PDB file of all heavy atoms in Angstrom:
ATOM      1  N   GLY A   1     157.574  -5.038   8.915  1.00  0.00           N
ATOM      2  CA  GLY A   1     156.738  -5.631   7.885  1.00  0.00           C
ATOM      3  C   GLY A   1     155.253  -5.475   8.130  1.00  0.00           C
ATOM      4  O   GLY A   1     154.443  -5.788   7.250  1.00  0.00           O
ATOM      5  N   GLY A   2     154.895  -4.978   9.294  1.00  0.00           N
ATOM      6  CA  GLY A   2     153.489  -4.812   9.630  1.00  0.00           C
ATOM      7  C   GLY A   2     152.874  -3.578   9.011  1.00  0.00           C
ATOM      8  O   GLY A   2     153.523  -2.841   8.247  1.00  0.00           O
ATOM      9  N   SER A   3     151.611  -3.353   9.365  1.00  0.00           N
ATOM     10  CA  SER A   3     150.849  -2.241   8.798  1.00  0.00           C
ATOM     11  C   SER A   3     150.133  -1.463   9.892  1.00  0.00           C
ATOM     12  O   SER A   3     149.779  -2.025  10.933  1.00  0.00           O
ATOM     13  CB  SER A   3     149.804  -2.758   7.808  1.00  0.00           C
ATOM     14  OG  SER A   3     150.399  -3.421   6.715  1.00  0.00           O
ATOM     15  N   LEU A   4     149.927  -0.187   9.616  1.00  0.00           N
ATOM     16  CA  LEU A   4     149.106   0.677  10.456  1.00  0.00           C
ATOM     17  C   LEU A   4     148.367   1.636   9.541  1.00  0.00           C
ATOM     18  O   LEU A   4     148.870   1.986   8.454  1.00  0.00           O
ATOM     19  CB  LEU A   4     149.960   1.489  11.440  1.00  0.00           C
ATOM     20  CG  LEU A   4     150.557   0.783  12.649  1.00  0.00           C
ATOM     21  CD1 LEU A   4     151.506   1.727  13.380  1.00  0.00           C
ATOM     22  CD2 LEU A   4     149.478   0.295  13.598  1.00  0.00           C
ATOM     23  N   ARG A   5     147.218   2.085   9.999  1.00  0.00           N
ATOM     24  CA  ARG A   5     146.519   3.152   9.291  1.00  0.00           C
ATOM     25  C   ARG A   5     146.317   4.313  10.261  1.00  0.00           C
ATOM     26  O   ARG A   5     145.642   4.182  11.276  1.00  0.00           O
ATOM     27  CB  ARG A   5     145.167   2.702   8.740  1.00  0.00           C
ATOM     28  CG  ARG A   5     144.547   3.766   7.840  1.00  0.00           C
ATOM     29  CD  ARG A   5     143.260   3.334   7.171  1.00  0.00           C
ATOM     30  NE  ARG A   5     142.108   3.488   8.058  1.00  0.00           N
ATOM     31  CZ  ARG A   5     140.866   3.680   7.631  1.00  0.00           C
ATOM     32  NH1 ARG A   5     140.611   3.744   6.327  1.00  0.00           N
ATOM     33  NH2 ARG A   5     139.864   3.788   8.481  1.00  0.00           N
ATOM     34  N   LEU A   6     146.911   5.430   9.900  1.00  0.00           N
ATOM     35  CA  LEU A   6     146.746   6.644  10.678  1.00  0.00           C
ATOM     36  C   LEU A   6     145.561   7.438  10.150  1.00  0.00           C
ATOM     37  O   LEU A   6     145.279   7.434   8.946  1.00  0.00           O
ATOM     38  CB  LEU A   6     148.005   7.510  10.610  1.00  0.00           C
ATOM     39  CG  LEU A   6     149.323   6.840  10.990  1.00  0.00           C
ATOM     40  CD1 LEU A   6     150.453   7.866  10.936  1.00  0.00           C
ATOM     41  CD2 LEU A   6     149.251   6.184  12.328  1.00  0.00           C
ATOM     42  N   SER A   7     144.897   8.129  11.069  1.00  0.00           N
ATOM     43  CA  SER A   7     143.787   9.002  10.700  1.00  0.00           C
ATOM     44  C   SER A   7     144.058  10.403  11.234  1.00  0.00           C
ATOM     45  O   SER A   7     144.679  10.565  12.281  1.00  0.00           O
ATOM     46  CB  SER A   7     142.469   8.496  11.279  1.00  0.00           C
ATOM     47  OG  SER A   7     142.143   7.219  10.799  1.00  0.00           O
ATOM     48  N   CYS A   8     143.570  11.374  10.524  1.00  0.00           N
ATOM     49  CA  CYS A   8     143.649  12.762  10.969  1.00  0.00           C
ATOM     50  C   CYS A   8     142.267  13.378  10.764  1.00  0.00           C
ATOM     51  O   CYS A   8     141.847  13.576   9.618  1.00  0.00           O
ATOM     52  CB  CYS A   8     144.702  13.525  10.191  1.00  0.00           C
ATOM     53  SG  CYS A   8     144.729  15.308  10.538  1.00  0.00           S
ATOM     54  N   ALA A   9     141.602  13.640  11.861  1.00  0.00           N
ATOM     55  CA  ALA A   9     140.268  14.237  11.810  1.00  0.00           C
ATOM     56  C   ALA A   9     140.389  15.738  12.003  1.00  0.00           C
ATOM     57  O   ALA A   9     141.083  16.204  12.907  1.00  0.00           O
ATOM     58  CB  ALA A   9     139.384  13.637  12.887  1.00  0.00           C
ATOM     59  N   ALA A  10     139.721  16.488  11.139  1.00  0.00           N
ATOM     60  CA  ALA A  10     139.829  17.939  11.161  1.00  0.00           C
ATOM     61  C   ALA A  10     138.499  18.594  11.462  1.00  0.00           C
ATOM     62  O   ALA A  10     137.444  18.132  11.011  1.00  0.00           O
ATOM     63  CB  ALA A  10     140.348  18.445   9.820  1.00  0.00           C
ATOM     64  N   SER A  11     138.556  19.657  12.226  1.00  0.00           N
ATOM     65  CA  SER A  11     137.398  20.521  12.407  1.00  0.00           C
ATOM     66  C   SER A  11     137.648  21.800  11.626  1.00  0.00           C
ATOM     67  O   SER A  11     138.784  22.133  11.315  1.00  0.00           O
ATOM     68  CB  SER A  11     137.192  20.847  13.885  1.00  0.00           C
ATOM     69  OG  SER A  11     138.298  21.574  14.378  1.00  0.00           O
ATOM     70  N   GLY A  12     136.600  22.519  11.297  1.00  0.00           N
ATOM     71  CA  GLY A  12     136.773  23.734  10.530  1.00  0.00           C
ATOM     72  C   GLY A  12     136.329  23.563   9.095  1.00  0.00           C
ATOM     73  O   GLY A  12     136.262  22.449   8.585  1.00  0.00           O
ATOM     74  N   SER A  13     136.093  24.672   8.448  1.00  0.00           N
ATOM     75  CA  SER A  13     135.481  24.642   7.121  1.00  0.00           C
ATOM     76  C   SER A  13     136.476  24.565   5.978  1.00  0.00           C
ATOM     77  O   SER A  13     136.069  24.443   4.834  1.00  0.00           O
ATOM     78  CB  SER A  13     134.599  25.874   6.945  1.00  0.00           C
ATOM     79  OG  SER A  13     135.402  27.049   7.073  1.00  0.00           O
ATOM     80  N   ILE A  14     137.780  24.635   6.276  1.00  0.00           N
ATOM     81  CA  ILE A  14     138.742  24.725   5.178  1.00  0.00           C
ATOM     82  C   ILE A  14     139.221  23.367   4.707  1.00  0.00           C
ATOM     83  O   ILE A  14     139.939  23.273   3.719  1.00  0.00           O
ATOM     84  CB  ILE A  14     139.965  25.582   5.573  1.00  0.00           C
ATOM     85  CG1 ILE A  14     140.807  24.881   6.639  1.00  0.00           C
ATOM     86  CG2 ILE A  14     139.532  26.960   6.020  1.00  0.00           C
ATOM     87  CD1 ILE A  14     142.125  25.555   6.888  1.00  0.00           C
ATOM     88  N   PHE A  15     138.834  22.313   5.408  1.00  0.00           N
ATOM     89  CA  PHE A  15     139.422  20.999   5.118  1.00  0.00           C
ATOM     90  C   PHE A  15     139.251  20.625   3.659  1.00  0.00           C
ATOM     91  O   PHE A  15     140.217  20.274   2.971  1.00  0.00           O
ATOM     92  CB  PHE A  15     138.788  19.928   6.007  1.00  0.00           C
ATOM     93  CG  PHE A  15     139.312  18.542   5.746  1.00  0.00           C
ATOM     94  CD1 PHE A  15     140.447  18.089   6.395  1.00  0.00           C
ATOM     95  CD2 PHE A  15     138.681  17.698   4.842  1.00  0.00           C
ATOM     96  CE1 PHE A  15     140.943  16.819   6.150  1.00  0.00           C
ATOM     97  CE2 PHE A  15     139.174  16.426   4.591  1.00  0.00           C
ATOM     98  CZ  PHE A  15     140.309  15.988   5.252  1.00  0.00           C
ATOM     99  N   SER A  16     138.029  20.674   3.158  1.00  0.00           N
ATOM    100  CA  SER A  16     137.771  20.158   1.814  1.00  0.00           C
ATOM    101  C   SER A  16     138.451  20.983   0.725  1.00  0.00           C
ATOM    102  O   SER A  16     138.637  20.488  -0.390  1.00  0.00           O
ATOM    103  CB  SER A  16     136.263  20.100   1.556  1.00  0.00           C
ATOM    104  OG  SER A  16     135.702  21.389   1.642  1.00  0.00           O
ATOM    105  N   SER A  17     138.826  22.203   1.026  1.00  0.00           N
ATOM    106  CA  SER A  17     139.463  23.067   0.020  1.00  0.00           C
ATOM    107  C   SER A  17     140.969  23.134   0.170  1.00  0.00           C
ATOM    108  O   SER A  17     141.628  23.905  -0.535  1.00  0.00           O
ATOM    109  CB  SER A  17     138.888  24.475   0.112  1.00  0.00           C
ATOM    110  OG  SER A  17     139.166  25.052   1.371  1.00  0.00           O
ATOM    111  N   SER A  18     141.514  22.336   1.077  1.00  0.00           N
ATOM    112  CA  SER A  18     142.937  22.426   1.400  1.00  0.00           C
ATOM    113  C   SER A  18     143.697  21.163   1.045  1.00  0.00           C
ATOM    114  O   SER A  18     143.162  20.054   1.102  1.00  0.00           O
ATOM    115  CB  SER A  18     143.121  22.676   2.898  1.00  0.00           C
ATOM    116  OG  SER A  18     142.506  23.865   3.310  1.00  0.00           O
ATOM    117  N   ALA A  19     144.966  21.369   0.704  1.00  0.00           N
ATOM    118  CA  ALA A  19     145.884  20.244   0.639  1.00  0.00           C
ATOM    119  C   ALA A  19     146.233  19.821   2.066  1.00  0.00           C
ATOM    120  O   ALA A  19     146.334  20.663   2.964  1.00  0.00           O
ATOM    121  CB  ALA A  19     147.150  20.633  -0.116  1.00  0.00           C
ATOM    122  N   ILE A  20     146.389  18.536   2.261  1.00  0.00           N
ATOM    123  CA  ILE A  20     146.718  17.995   3.578  1.00  0.00           C
ATOM    124  C   ILE A  20     148.036  17.254   3.470  1.00  0.00           C
ATOM    125  O   ILE A  20     148.292  16.563   2.480  1.00  0.00           O
ATOM    126  CB  ILE A  20     145.637  16.992   4.073  1.00  0.00           C
ATOM    127  CG1 ILE A  20     144.233  17.546   3.847  1.00  0.00           C
ATOM    128  CG2 ILE A  20     145.868  16.660   5.545  1.00  0.00           C
ATOM    129  CD1 ILE A  20     143.905  18.780   4.636  1.00  0.00           C
ATOM    130  N   ARG A  21     148.847  17.390   4.485  1.00  0.00           N
ATOM    131  CA  ARG A  21     150.159  16.748   4.467  1.00  0.00           C
ATOM    132  C   ARG A  21     150.382  15.935   5.737  1.00  0.00           C
ATOM    133  O   ARG A  21     149.906  16.325   6.811  1.00  0.00           O
ATOM    134  CB  ARG A  21     151.259  17.804   4.327  1.00  0.00           C
ATOM    135  CG  ARG A  21     151.141  18.615   3.048  1.00  0.00           C
ATOM    136  CD  ARG A  21     152.225  19.667   2.923  1.00  0.00           C
ATOM    137  NE  ARG A  21     152.102  20.745   3.886  1.00  0.00           N
ATOM    138  CZ  ARG A  21     152.940  21.786   3.956  1.00  0.00           C
ATOM    139  NH1 ARG A  21     153.963  21.858   3.124  1.00  0.00           N
ATOM    140  NH2 ARG A  21     152.747  22.725   4.848  1.00  0.00           N
ATOM    141  N   TRP A  22     151.107  14.856   5.601  1.00  0.00           N
ATOM    142  CA  TRP A  22     151.608  14.090   6.742  1.00  0.00           C
ATOM    143  C   TRP A  22     153.119  14.319   6.838  1.00  0.00           C
ATOM    144  O   TRP A  22     153.830  14.202   5.840  1.00  0.00           O
ATOM    145  CB  TRP A  22     151.348  12.600   6.577  1.00  0.00           C
ATOM    146  CG  TRP A  22     149.959  12.159   6.875  1.00  0.00           C
ATOM    147  CD1 TRP A  22     148.967  11.896   5.974  1.00  0.00           C
ATOM    148  CD2 TRP A  22     149.406  11.896   8.167  1.00  0.00           C
ATOM    149  NE1 TRP A  22     147.833  11.492   6.633  1.00  0.00           N
ATOM    150  CE2 TRP A  22     148.071  11.479   7.982  1.00  0.00           C
ATOM    151  CE3 TRP A  22     149.899  11.960   9.474  1.00  0.00           C
ATOM    152  CZ2 TRP A  22     147.225  11.146   9.045  1.00  0.00           C
ATOM    153  CZ3 TRP A  22     149.063  11.640  10.528  1.00  0.00           C
ATOM    154  CH2 TRP A  22     147.746  11.227  10.304  1.00  0.00           C
ATOM    155  N   PHE A  23     153.550  14.641   8.047  1.00  0.00           N
ATOM    156  CA  PHE A  23     154.962  14.761   8.362  1.00  0.00           C
ATOM    157  C   PHE A  23     155.313  13.734   9.425  1.00  0.00           C
ATOM    158  O   PHE A  23     154.430  13.198  10.105  1.00  0.00           O
ATOM    159  CB  PHE A  23     155.278  16.157   8.924  1.00  0.00           C
ATOM    160  CG  PHE A  23     155.272  17.264   7.925  1.00  0.00           C
ATOM    161  CD1 PHE A  23     154.076  17.797   7.457  1.00  0.00           C
ATOM    162  CD2 PHE A  23     156.458  17.800   7.451  1.00  0.00           C
ATOM    163  CE1 PHE A  23     154.064  18.843   6.536  1.00  0.00           C
ATOM    164  CE2 PHE A  23     156.458  18.840   6.538  1.00  0.00           C
ATOM    165  CZ  PHE A  23     155.263  19.360   6.087  1.00  0.00           C
ATOM    166  N   ARG A  24     156.598  13.511   9.608  1.00  0.00           N
ATOM    167  CA  ARG A  24     157.050  12.693  10.730  1.00  0.00           C
ATOM    168  C   ARG A  24     158.350  13.250  11.289  1.00  0.00           C
ATOM    169  O   ARG A  24     159.120  13.888  10.572  1.00  0.00           O
ATOM    170  CB  ARG A  24     157.224  11.230  10.333  1.00  0.00           C
ATOM    171  CG  ARG A  24     158.352  10.952   9.350  1.00  0.00           C
ATOM    172  CD  ARG A  24     158.314   9.489   8.931  1.00  0.00           C
ATOM    173  NE  ARG A  24     159.390   9.156   7.993  1.00  0.00           N
ATOM    174  CZ  ARG A  24     159.490   7.991   7.378  1.00  0.00           C
ATOM    175  NH1 ARG A  24     158.587   7.028   7.608  1.00  0.00           N
ATOM    176  NH2 ARG A  24     160.491   7.758   6.547  1.00  0.00           N
ATOM    177  N   GLN A  25     158.523  12.988  12.571  1.00  0.00           N
ATOM    178  CA  GLN A  25     159.717  13.474  13.250  1.00  0.00           C
ATOM    179  C   GLN A  25     160.232  12.391  14.189  1.00  0.00           C
ATOM    180  O   GLN A  25     159.539  12.014  15.133  1.00  0.00           O
ATOM    181  CB  GLN A  25     159.428  14.766  14.021  1.00  0.00           C
ATOM    182  CG  GLN A  25     160.663  15.421  14.594  1.00  0.00           C
ATOM    183  CD  GLN A  25     160.388  16.818  15.104  1.00  0.00           C
ATOM    184  OE1 GLN A  25     159.252  17.197  15.380  1.00  0.00           O
ATOM    185  NE2 GLN A  25     161.436  17.635  15.191  1.00  0.00           N
ATOM    186  N   ALA A  26     161.436  11.929  13.890  1.00  0.00           N
ATOM    187  CA  ALA A  26     162.106  10.958  14.754  1.00  0.00           C
ATOM    188  C   ALA A  26     162.906  11.720  15.804  1.00  0.00           C
ATOM    189  O   ALA A  26     163.257  12.885  15.603  1.00  0.00           O
ATOM    190  CB  ALA A  26     163.010  10.061  13.923  1.00  0.00           C
ATOM    191  N   PRO A  27     163.220  11.077  16.938  1.00  0.00           N
ATOM    192  CA  PRO A  27     163.978  11.751  17.992  1.00  0.00           C
ATOM    193  C   PRO A  27     165.295  12.320  17.477  1.00  0.00           C
ATOM    194  O   PRO A  27     166.058  11.626  16.806  1.00  0.00           O
ATOM    195  CB  PRO A  27     164.212  10.640  19.017  1.00  0.00           C
ATOM    196  CG  PRO A  27     163.097   9.688  18.799  1.00  0.00           C
ATOM    197  CD  PRO A  27     162.831   9.711  17.328  1.00  0.00           C
ATOM    198  N   GLY A  28     165.521  13.591  17.775  1.00  0.00           N
ATOM    199  CA  GLY A  28     166.758  14.228  17.382  1.00  0.00           C
ATOM    200  C   GLY A  28     166.869  14.600  15.924  1.00  0.00           C
ATOM    201  O   GLY A  28     167.920  15.051  15.476  1.00  0.00           O
ATOM    202  N   LYS A  29     165.780  14.432  15.178  1.00  0.00           N
ATOM    203  CA  LYS A  29     165.813  14.745  13.752  1.00  0.00           C
ATOM    204  C   LYS A  29     164.777  15.811  13.419  1.00  0.00           C
ATOM    205  O   LYS A  29     163.887  16.110  14.203  1.00  0.00           O
ATOM    206  CB  LYS A  29     165.572  13.476  12.935  1.00  0.00           C
ATOM    207  CG  LYS A  29     166.659  12.430  13.098  1.00  0.00           C
ATOM    208  CD  LYS A  29     166.485  11.297  12.126  1.00  0.00           C
ATOM    209  CE  LYS A  29     167.626  10.289  12.234  1.00  0.00           C
ATOM    210  NZ  LYS A  29     167.482   9.168  11.262  1.00  0.00           N
ATOM    211  N   GLN A  30     164.894  16.369  12.224  1.00  0.00           N
ATOM    212  CA  GLN A  30     163.948  17.383  11.794  1.00  0.00           C
ATOM    213  C   GLN A  30     162.633  16.727  11.375  1.00  0.00           C
ATOM    214  O   GLN A  30     162.576  15.527  11.143  1.00  0.00           O
ATOM    215  CB  GLN A  30     164.525  18.185  10.633  1.00  0.00           C
ATOM    216  CG  GLN A  30     164.718  17.375   9.353  1.00  0.00           C
ATOM    217  CD  GLN A  30     165.334  18.203   8.232  1.00  0.00           C
ATOM    218  OE1 GLN A  30     165.922  19.249   8.458  1.00  0.00           O
ATOM    219  NE2 GLN A  30     165.190  17.738   7.007  1.00  0.00           N
ATOM    220  N   ARG A  31     161.621  17.559  11.290  1.00  0.00           N
ATOM    221  CA  ARG A  31     160.317  17.079  10.846  1.00  0.00           C
ATOM    222  C   ARG A  31     160.327  17.023   9.313  1.00  0.00           C
ATOM    223  O   ARG A  31     160.588  18.023   8.652  1.00  0.00           O
ATOM    224  CB  ARG A  31     159.217  18.012  11.351  1.00  0.00           C
ATOM    225  CG  ARG A  31     157.822  17.485  11.171  1.00  0.00           C
ATOM    226  CD  ARG A  31     156.801  18.351  11.904  1.00  0.00           C
ATOM    227  NE  ARG A  31     157.001  18.330  13.359  1.00  0.00           N
ATOM    228  CZ  ARG A  31     156.154  18.883  14.222  1.00  0.00           C
ATOM    229  NH1 ARG A  31     155.048  19.478  13.772  1.00  0.00           N
ATOM    230  NH2 ARG A  31     156.396  18.834  15.511  1.00  0.00           N
ATOM    231  N   ASP A  32     160.024  15.860   8.778  1.00  0.00           N
ATOM    232  CA  ASP A  32     160.107  15.637   7.332  1.00  0.00           C
ATOM    233  C   ASP A  32     158.735  15.364   6.740  1.00  0.00           C
ATOM    234  O   ASP A  32     157.900  14.686   7.350  1.00  0.00           O
ATOM    235  CB  ASP A  32     161.019  14.444   7.011  1.00  0.00           C
ATOM    236  CG  ASP A  32     162.467  14.723   7.322  1.00  0.00           C
ATOM    237  OD1 ASP A  32     162.897  15.883   7.171  1.00  0.00           O
ATOM    238  OD2 ASP A  32     163.178  13.770   7.698  1.00  0.00           O
ATOM    239  N   LEU A  33     158.544  15.839   5.522  1.00  0.00           N
ATOM    240  CA  LEU A  33     157.310  15.569   4.792  1.00  0.00           C
ATOM    241  C   LEU A  33     157.289  14.115   4.333  1.00  0.00           C
ATOM    242  O   LEU A  33     158.259  13.629   3.746  1.00  0.00           O
ATOM    243  CB  LEU A  33     157.208  16.505   3.590  1.00  0.00           C
ATOM    244  CG  LEU A  33     155.988  16.341   2.699  1.00  0.00           C
ATOM    245  CD1 LEU A  33     154.709  16.655   3.459  1.00  0.00           C
ATOM    246  CD2 LEU A  33     156.119  17.252   1.475  1.00  0.00           C
ATOM    247  N   VAL A  34     156.179  13.444   4.580  1.00  0.00           N
ATOM    248  CA  VAL A  34     156.016  12.043   4.199  1.00  0.00           C
ATOM    249  C   VAL A  34     155.124  11.912   2.969  1.00  0.00           C
ATOM    250  O   VAL A  34     155.449  11.210   2.023  1.00  0.00           O
ATOM    251  CB  VAL A  34     155.419  11.238   5.368  1.00  0.00           C
ATOM    252  CG1 VAL A  34     155.113   9.807   4.942  1.00  0.00           C
ATOM    253  CG2 VAL A  34     156.346  11.261   6.563  1.00  0.00           C
ATOM    254  N   ALA A  35     153.982  12.590   3.011  1.00  0.00           N
ATOM    255  CA  ALA A  35     153.020  12.460   1.919  1.00  0.00           C
ATOM    256  C   ALA A  35     152.095  13.666   1.929  1.00  0.00           C
ATOM    257  O   ALA A  35     151.906  14.303   2.964  1.00  0.00           O
ATOM    258  CB  ALA A  35     152.200  11.178   2.068  1.00  0.00           C
ATOM    259  N   SER A  36     151.528  13.945   0.771  1.00  0.00           N
ATOM    260  CA  SER A  36     150.574  15.042   0.661  1.00  0.00           C
ATOM    261  C   SER A  36     149.471  14.665  -0.313  1.00  0.00           C
ATOM    262  O   SER A  36     149.657  13.817  -1.193  1.00  0.00           O
ATOM    263  CB  SER A  36     151.263  16.328   0.211  1.00  0.00           C
ATOM    264  OG  SER A  36     151.809  16.167  -1.095  1.00  0.00           O
ATOM    265  N   ILE A  37     148.326  15.322  -0.134  1.00  0.00           N
ATOM    266  CA  ILE A  37     147.197  15.108  -1.027  1.00  0.00           C
ATOM    267  C   ILE A  37     146.510  16.441  -1.248  1.00  0.00           C
ATOM    268  O   ILE A  37     146.225  17.175  -0.302  1.00  0.00           O
ATOM    269  CB  ILE A  37     146.227  14.033  -0.467  1.00  0.00           C
ATOM    270  CG1 ILE A  37     145.124  13.713  -1.469  1.00  0.00           C
ATOM    271  CG2 ILE A  37     145.668  14.445   0.897  1.00  0.00           C
ATOM    272  CD1 ILE A  37     144.349  12.454  -1.127  1.00  0.00           C
ATOM    273  N   THR A  38     146.271  16.773  -2.513  1.00  0.00           N
ATOM    274  CA  THR A  38     145.613  18.037  -2.830  1.00  0.00           C
ATOM    275  C   THR A  38     144.114  17.914  -2.611  1.00  0.00           C
ATOM    276  O   THR A  38     143.582  16.825  -2.382  1.00  0.00           O
ATOM    277  CB  THR A  38     145.873  18.436  -4.285  1.00  0.00           C
ATOM    278  OG1 THR A  38     145.192  17.495  -5.142  1.00  0.00           O
ATOM    279  CG2 THR A  38     147.365  18.436  -4.594  1.00  0.00           C
ATOM    280  N   ARG A  39     143.418  19.030  -2.753  1.00  0.00           N
ATOM    281  CA  ARG A  39     141.968  18.991  -2.581  1.00  0.00           C
ATOM    282  C   ARG A  39     141.320  18.167  -3.685  1.00  0.00           C
ATOM    283  O   ARG A  39     140.234  17.613  -3.491  1.00  0.00           O
ATOM    284  CB  ARG A  39     141.382  20.397  -2.565  1.00  0.00           C
ATOM    285  CG  ARG A  39     141.604  21.198  -3.829  1.00  0.00           C
ATOM    286  CD  ARG A  39     141.015  22.596  -3.681  1.00  0.00           C
ATOM    287  NE  ARG A  39     141.160  23.390  -4.887  1.00  0.00           N
ATOM    288  CZ  ARG A  39     140.699  24.624  -5.006  1.00  0.00           C
ATOM    289  NH1 ARG A  39     140.082  25.197  -3.987  1.00  0.00           N
ATOM    290  NH2 ARG A  39     140.865  25.283  -6.136  1.00  0.00           N
ATOM    291  N   GLY A  40     142.011  18.043  -4.806  1.00  0.00           N
ATOM    292  CA  GLY A  40     141.490  17.246  -5.909  1.00  0.00           C
ATOM    293  C   GLY A  40     141.886  15.788  -5.852  1.00  0.00           C
ATOM    294  O   GLY A  40     141.461  14.988  -6.693  1.00  0.00           O
ATOM    295  N   GLY A  41     142.729  15.429  -4.866  1.00  0.00           N
ATOM    296  CA  GLY A  41     143.098  14.035  -4.688  1.00  0.00           C
ATOM    297  C   GLY A  41     144.443  13.636  -5.270  1.00  0.00           C
ATOM    298  O   GLY A  41     144.820  12.464  -5.192  1.00  0.00           O
ATOM    299  N   ALA A  42     145.177  14.588  -5.831  1.00  0.00           N
ATOM    300  CA  ALA A  42     146.513  14.260  -6.338  1.00  0.00           C
ATOM    301  C   ALA A  42     147.451  14.034  -5.155  1.00  0.00           C
ATOM    302  O   ALA A  42     147.408  14.768  -4.167  1.00  0.00           O
ATOM    303  CB  ALA A  42     147.031  15.388  -7.224  1.00  0.00           C
ATOM    304  N   THR A  43     148.289  13.026  -5.271  1.00  0.00           N
ATOM    305  CA  THR A  43     149.142  12.640  -4.148  1.00  0.00           C
ATOM    306  C   THR A  43     150.623  12.746  -4.493  1.00  0.00           C
ATOM    307  O   THR A  43     151.014  12.706  -5.668  1.00  0.00           O
ATOM    308  CB  THR A  43     148.842  11.197  -3.711  1.00  0.00           C
ATOM    309  OG1 THR A  43     149.070  10.314  -4.811  1.00  0.00           O
ATOM    310  CG2 THR A  43     147.399  11.058  -3.252  1.00  0.00           C
ATOM    311  N   ASN A  44     151.412  12.876  -3.450  1.00  0.00           N
ATOM    312  CA  ASN A  44     152.857  12.920  -3.603  1.00  0.00           C
ATOM    313  C   ASN A  44     153.475  12.283  -2.366  1.00  0.00           C
ATOM    314  O   ASN A  44     152.915  12.403  -1.259  1.00  0.00           O
ATOM    315  CB  ASN A  44     153.346  14.359  -3.764  1.00  0.00           C
ATOM    316  CG  ASN A  44     154.745  14.434  -4.322  1.00  0.00           C
ATOM    317  OD1 ASN A  44     155.181  13.549  -5.039  1.00  0.00           O
ATOM    318  ND2 ASN A  44     155.450  15.506  -4.001  1.00  0.00           N
TER     319      ASN A  44
END
């Protein structure tokens, strides 16, 4: 029931023009897509 805020800091010039995605991987499982955001701010 608690909360956390994760951050991802990027170096390089492509950040602002790129879609960014968060994945997660539990032990023994595949890496799964959690969320994504386009360069324009659309989310999934």
